[in-house]
Amino acid sequence: MVLRDIQCQETLFARAESLFKRISQDNEVLKTFQFHSFRVMHFSIKLAKAIGCYDEDLKVAALLHDIGKIGISKKILLKPGKLDDLEYQIIQAHSTIGNNIVRTILEMPKAAVYVRDHHERWDGRGYPRGLKANEISLQGRIIGICDAFDTMTIDRRNYHVCPITYDEALQELKSCAWTQFDGSLVNEFEQIIDHLRLPLPGKWEEDLEQINALFADKEENRI
């Protein structure tokens, strides 16, 4: 029974990864975001395991958290200046689009909720539903923190914002604790980053083998 469950989980993720790679190859926007998505997946797995809520749905949702951007213009996603109100509303739609893709194509309703929730805020000022605090799925809160950290530090092309150091990003997360982010998760995430001892961005962040090696647990095989 346990073996069957493991095989089922592996099949679910294999389907999700295949979908992601296939779309990324054919879509310029997602191709640009693909390494960001893998890094967010690994950060999210680490954080979820640290608090004891890791499952395959979290892994799939973290990898596919930006898949809803498939329908958004590159000119809007990578606009160097400030987004206007309409452009911001279009950007916000990616959480709902991603939710629909994961729910209908992969038939993973739990993972779909986590994708939908990753831009909600603790204070209720996020999107798409304006959920607050524990109304937001725990896994959605996890992905939101990991997405923000990677965007601030490594994801050099996102909106042409200059990246900041890992320490500066952690301070930013802490300054937004209990307003944008779940403060307890931010504290756990800080410990994970301290333990990982991430190298400075250079080449590893866009090399899948190096990403996998960096995040691999010493006590177990690659996830």
Foldseek 3Di string as FASTA:
>chain_A
DVVVVVVVLVVLVVVLVVVLVVLLVVAVVSVLCQLLLVLLLLLLQVLCVVVVNDDSLLSSLSSLLQVLCSPPDPCLFQPLDDDDPVSVVVSLCSLVSSLVCCCPVSVDNVSSLLSNQLQAFQQQPGDDPSDHNPVRPPSSLSSNLSSQLCVQAPSCRGSNDHHDHSVVSLVVVCVCDNTGHPNVSSVSSVVVCVVLVDDHDDPLSPDVVSSQVSSDDPVDGGD
